[in-house]
Amino acid sequence: MASERRSKTRAAHHAVTTPDGEAPWANLEMTVPTDRDHASVVALVECALVELTHEAVGAVFVSRQVGRSTRTQYVAAGDVGEQFQKRHFDDRLGWHETTIPRRAVRDELITQLSRSASTAAERSGEGAASGPDIFVVKPVRELRTP
């Protein structure tokens, strides 16, 4: 009964689009560092986690440093949304996959998206990074995989 109710809710959620025809998660994107306050970053992360749980989408955080980039993907690992598959790719080390709880995903994303401009500069050795760090939600079929 509860599973049937979840399926109906999910089906109704899939049918929802914005007035211009885009999916609700289509604009969940930002560059880091950002001028958003902490509450806004938390709200964005919470919204992304809801979409990951109810849609076939994944959250991606790409960090670019001089001569190196890393990509971390988060995809719901079930219908309940309490476990997520974390796929981390490092240019030097390759892919690493693990399953982590929702709370860990939330904390990691808030930390990554809350970085200041000075933190980004320190990470890149005071030199200019090859581009800003980026967070985006996109369809699972568009995620790069090992």
C-alpha atoms as a PDB file:
ATOM      1  CA  MET A   1       0.000   0.000   0.000  1.00  0.00           C
ATOM      2  CA  ALA A   2       2.710   2.484   0.983  1.00  0.00           C
ATOM      3  CA  SER A   3       4.785   1.468  -2.026  1.00  0.00           C
ATOM      4  CA  GLU A   4       1.789   2.038  -4.313  1.00  0.00           C
ATOM      5  CA  ARG A   5       1.281   5.477  -2.764  1.00  0.00           C
ATOM      6  CA  ARG A   6       4.978   6.322  -3.335  1.00  0.00           C
ATOM      7  CA  SER A   7       4.702   5.209  -6.970  1.00  0.00           C
ATOM      8  CA  LYS A   8       1.672   7.448  -7.529  1.00  0.00           C
ATOM      9  CA  THR A   9       3.417  10.355  -5.847  1.00  0.00           C
ATOM     10  CA  ARG A  10       6.509   9.788  -7.974  1.00  0.00           C
ATOM     11  CA  ALA A  11       4.413   9.610 -11.157  1.00  0.00           C
ATOM     12  CA  ALA A  12       2.715  12.885 -10.256  1.00  0.00           C
ATOM     13  CA  HIS A  13       6.100  14.452  -9.501  1.00  0.00           C
ATOM     14  CA  HIS A  14       7.483  13.299 -12.879  1.00  0.00           C
ATOM     15  CA  ALA A  15       4.594  15.044 -14.604  1.00  0.00           C
ATOM     16  CA  VAL A  16       5.357  18.384 -12.936  1.00  0.00           C
ATOM     17  CA  THR A  17       7.305  20.857 -15.018  1.00  0.00           C
ATOM     18  CA  THR A  18       7.967  24.543 -14.799  1.00  0.00           C
ATOM     19  CA  PRO A  19       5.775  26.923 -16.824  1.00  0.00           C
ATOM     20  CA  ASP A  20       8.354  27.001 -19.639  1.00  0.00           C
ATOM     21  CA  GLY A  21       8.343  23.193 -19.915  1.00  0.00           C
ATOM     22  CA  GLU A  22      11.614  22.520 -18.075  1.00  0.00           C
ATOM     23  CA  ALA A  23      11.929  19.923 -15.337  1.00  0.00           C
ATOM     24  CA  PRO A  24      12.035  21.377 -11.793  1.00  0.00           C
ATOM     25  CA  TRP A  25      15.682  20.318 -11.352  1.00  0.00           C
ATOM     26  CA  ALA A  26      16.844  21.840 -14.665  1.00  0.00           C
ATOM     27  CA  ASN A  27      18.137  25.024 -13.024  1.00  0.00           C
ATOM     28  CA  LEU A  28      19.898  23.449 -10.038  1.00  0.00           C
ATOM     29  CA  GLU A  29      23.347  24.681 -10.913  1.00  0.00           C
ATOM     30  CA  MET A  30      25.944  27.011  -9.446  1.00  0.00           C
ATOM     31  CA  THR A  31      29.601  27.923  -9.619  1.00  0.00           C
ATOM     32  CA  VAL A  32      31.892  27.975  -6.596  1.00  0.00           C
ATOM     33  CA  PRO A  33      32.867  30.259  -4.997  1.00  0.00           C
ATOM     34  CA  THR A  34      29.453  31.857  -4.887  1.00  0.00           C
ATOM     35  CA  ASP A  35      27.948  34.945  -3.334  1.00  0.00           C
ATOM     36  CA  ARG A  36      25.049  32.927  -1.875  1.00  0.00           C
ATOM     37  CA  ASP A  37      24.585  32.972   1.867  1.00  0.00           C
ATOM     38  CA  HIS A  38      24.779  29.751   3.893  1.00  0.00           C
ATOM     39  CA  ALA A  39      20.982  29.353   4.135  1.00  0.00           C
ATOM     40  CA  SER A  40      20.690  29.591   0.346  1.00  0.00           C
ATOM     41  CA  VAL A  41      23.375  26.925  -0.141  1.00  0.00           C
ATOM     42  CA  VAL A  42      21.612  24.616   2.321  1.00  0.00           C
ATOM     43  CA  ALA A  43      18.286  25.164   0.531  1.00  0.00           C
ATOM     44  CA  LEU A  44      19.885  24.342  -2.835  1.00  0.00           C
ATOM     45  CA  VAL A  45      21.415  21.136  -1.435  1.00  0.00           C
ATOM     46  CA  GLU A  46      18.102  20.076   0.151  1.00  0.00           C
ATOM     47  CA  CYS A  47      16.285  20.707  -3.131  1.00  0.00           C
ATOM     48  CA  ALA A  48      18.901  18.703  -5.040  1.00  0.00           C
ATOM     49  CA  LEU A  49      18.582  15.775  -2.606  1.00  0.00           C
ATOM     50  CA  VAL A  50      14.812  15.713  -3.083  1.00  0.00           C
ATOM     51  CA  GLU A  51      15.233  15.651  -6.862  1.00  0.00           C
ATOM     52  CA  LEU A  52      17.860  12.884  -6.644  1.00  0.00           C
ATOM     53  CA  THR A  53      15.427  10.799  -4.634  1.00  0.00           C
ATOM     54  CA  HIS A  54      12.419  11.310  -6.911  1.00  0.00           C
ATOM     55  CA  GLU A  55      13.889  11.694 -10.401  1.00  0.00           C
ATOM     56  CA  ALA A  56      16.431   9.822 -12.528  1.00  0.00           C
ATOM     57  CA  VAL A  57      19.040  12.530 -11.939  1.00  0.00           C
ATOM     58  CA  GLY A  58      22.417  12.797 -10.278  1.00  0.00           C
ATOM     59  CA  ALA A  59      24.265  15.658  -8.608  1.00  0.00           C
ATOM     60  CA  VAL A  60      27.748  16.405  -9.910  1.00  0.00           C
ATOM     61  CA  PHE A  61      30.453  18.531  -8.316  1.00  0.00           C
ATOM     62  CA  VAL A  62      33.447  19.285 -10.538  1.00  0.00           C
ATOM     63  CA  SER A  63      36.533  20.807  -8.946  1.00  0.00           C
ATOM     64  CA  ARG A  64      39.190  22.290 -11.217  1.00  0.00           C
ATOM     65  CA  GLN A  65      42.698  23.052 -10.112  1.00  0.00           C
ATOM     66  CA  VAL A  66      45.721  23.930 -12.191  1.00  0.00           C
ATOM     67  CA  GLY A  67      46.690  20.735 -13.994  1.00  0.00           C
ATOM     68  CA  ARG A  68      44.067  18.600 -12.262  1.00  0.00           C
ATOM     69  CA  SER A  69      40.332  18.087 -11.952  1.00  0.00           C
ATOM     70  CA  THR A  70      38.076  15.894  -9.856  1.00  0.00           C
ATOM     71  CA  ARG A  71      34.448  14.942 -10.356  1.00  0.00           C
ATOM     72  CA  THR A  72      32.132  13.630  -7.660  1.00  0.00           C
ATOM     73  CA  GLN A  73      28.717  12.259  -8.585  1.00  0.00           C
ATOM     74  CA  TYR A  74      25.887  11.429  -6.207  1.00  0.00           C
ATOM     75  CA  VAL A  75      23.011   9.176  -7.313  1.00  0.00           C
ATOM     76  CA  ALA A  76      20.204   7.782  -5.132  1.00  0.00           C
ATOM     77  CA  ALA A  77      20.794   4.097  -4.414  1.00  0.00           C
ATOM     78  CA  GLY A  78      17.147   3.170  -3.894  1.00  0.00           C
ATOM     79  CA  ASP A  79      13.604   4.466  -3.731  1.00  0.00           C
ATOM     80  CA  VAL A  80      13.776   5.635  -0.139  1.00  0.00           C
ATOM     81  CA  GLY A  81      16.582   8.171  -0.600  1.00  0.00           C
ATOM     82  CA  GLU A  82      18.555   7.298   2.507  1.00  0.00           C
ATOM     83  CA  GLN A  83      21.558   5.798   0.669  1.00  0.00           C
ATOM     84  CA  PHE A  84      23.459   7.304  -2.242  1.00  0.00           C
ATOM     85  CA  GLN A  85      26.079   5.994  -4.585  1.00  0.00           C
ATOM     86  CA  LYS A  86      29.095   8.299  -4.535  1.00  0.00           C
ATOM     87  CA  ARG A  87      31.306   8.077  -7.606  1.00  0.00           C
ATOM     88  CA  HIS A  88      34.527  10.036  -7.368  1.00  0.00           C
ATOM     89  CA  PHE A  89      36.880  10.544 -10.315  1.00  0.00           C
ATOM     90  CA  ASP A  90      40.339  12.035 -10.040  1.00  0.00           C
ATOM     91  CA  ASP A  91      42.466  12.615 -13.172  1.00  0.00           C
ATOM     92  CA  ARG A  92      45.422  11.010 -11.418  1.00  0.00           C
ATOM     93  CA  LEU A  93      43.721   8.205  -9.473  1.00  0.00           C
ATOM     94  CA  GLY A  94      40.742   7.195 -11.615  1.00  0.00           C
ATOM     95  CA  TRP A  95      37.297   6.162 -10.326  1.00  0.00           C
ATOM     96  CA  HIS A  96      36.312   5.182  -6.799  1.00  0.00           C
ATOM     97  CA  GLU A  97      32.739   4.223  -5.865  1.00  0.00           C
ATOM     98  CA  THR A  98      31.121   3.850  -2.465  1.00  0.00           C
ATOM     99  CA  THR A  99      27.686   3.982  -0.856  1.00  0.00           C
ATOM    100  CA  ILE A 100      27.114   6.693   1.737  1.00  0.00           C
ATOM    101  CA  PRO A 101      24.118   7.874   3.786  1.00  0.00           C
ATOM    102  CA  ARG A 102      22.012  10.905   2.839  1.00  0.00           C
ATOM    103  CA  ARG A 103      23.385  12.922   5.766  1.00  0.00           C
ATOM    104  CA  ALA A 104      26.971  12.486   4.509  1.00  0.00           C
ATOM    105  CA  VAL A 105      25.966  13.601   0.988  1.00  0.00           C
ATOM    106  CA  ARG A 106      24.226  16.654   2.459  1.00  0.00           C
ATOM    107  CA  ASP A 107      27.238  17.577   4.598  1.00  0.00           C
ATOM    108  CA  GLU A 108      29.738  17.065   1.747  1.00  0.00           C
ATOM    109  CA  LEU A 109      27.738  19.172  -0.702  1.00  0.00           C
ATOM    110  CA  ILE A 110      27.208  21.994   1.782  1.00  0.00           C
ATOM    111  CA  THR A 111      30.937  22.042   2.535  1.00  0.00           C
ATOM    112  CA  GLN A 112      31.905  21.984  -1.154  1.00  0.00           C
ATOM    113  CA  LEU A 113      29.400  24.661  -2.155  1.00  0.00           C
ATOM    114  CA  SER A 114      30.259  26.940   0.777  1.00  0.00           C
ATOM    115  CA  ARG A 115      33.900  27.400  -0.179  1.00  0.00           C
ATOM    116  CA  SER A 116      35.073  30.968  -0.256  1.00  0.00           C
ATOM    117  CA  ALA A 117      37.180  32.616  -2.961  1.00  0.00           C
ATOM    118  CA  SER A 118      40.208  32.516  -0.647  1.00  0.00           C
ATOM    119  CA  THR A 119      39.780  28.761  -0.063  1.00  0.00           C
ATOM    120  CA  ALA A 120      39.681  28.166  -3.834  1.00  0.00           C
ATOM    121  CA  ALA A 121      42.833  30.258  -4.338  1.00  0.00           C
ATOM    122  CA  GLU A 122      44.670  28.412  -1.552  1.00  0.00           C
ATOM    123  CA  ARG A 123      43.750  25.049  -3.086  1.00  0.00           C
ATOM    124  CA  SER A 124      45.221  26.057  -6.410  1.00  0.00           C
ATOM    125  CA  GLY A 125      48.464  27.369  -4.901  1.00  0.00           C
ATOM    126  CA  GLU A 126      47.456  31.048  -5.176  1.00  0.00           C
ATOM    127  CA  GLY A 127      47.457  30.698  -8.951  1.00  0.00           C
ATOM    128  CA  ALA A 128      44.415  30.967 -11.141  1.00  0.00           C
ATOM    129  CA  ALA A 129      42.461  27.756 -11.411  1.00  0.00           C
ATOM    130  CA  SER A 130      41.624  26.526 -14.888  1.00  0.00           C
ATOM    131  CA  GLY A 131      37.989  27.412 -14.193  1.00  0.00           C
ATOM    132  CA  PRO A 132      35.498  27.707 -11.371  1.00  0.00           C
ATOM    133  CA  ASP A 133      34.215  24.685  -9.497  1.00  0.00           C
ATOM    134  CA  ILE A 134      30.752  23.708 -10.700  1.00  0.00           C
ATOM    135  CA  PHE A 135      27.747  21.979  -9.144  1.00  0.00           C
ATOM    136  CA  VAL A 136      24.937  20.761 -11.397  1.00  0.00           C
ATOM    137  CA  VAL A 137      22.043  18.316 -11.370  1.00  0.00           C
ATOM    138  CA  LYS A 138      21.619  16.391 -14.608  1.00  0.00           C
ATOM    139  CA  PRO A 139      19.950  13.212 -15.915  1.00  0.00           C
ATOM    140  CA  VAL A 140      21.694  10.000 -14.894  1.00  0.00           C
ATOM    141  CA  ARG A 141      22.050   9.009 -18.560  1.00  0.00           C
ATOM    142  CA  GLU A 142      24.287  12.078 -19.065  1.00  0.00           C
ATOM    143  CA  LEU A 143      26.668  11.283 -16.208  1.00  0.00           C
ATOM    144  CA  ARG A 144      30.118  10.053 -17.101  1.00  0.00           C
ATOM    145  CA  THR A 145      30.812   6.631 -15.641  1.00  0.00           C
ATOM    146  CA  PRO A 146      33.857   4.395 -15.347  1.00  0.00           C
END
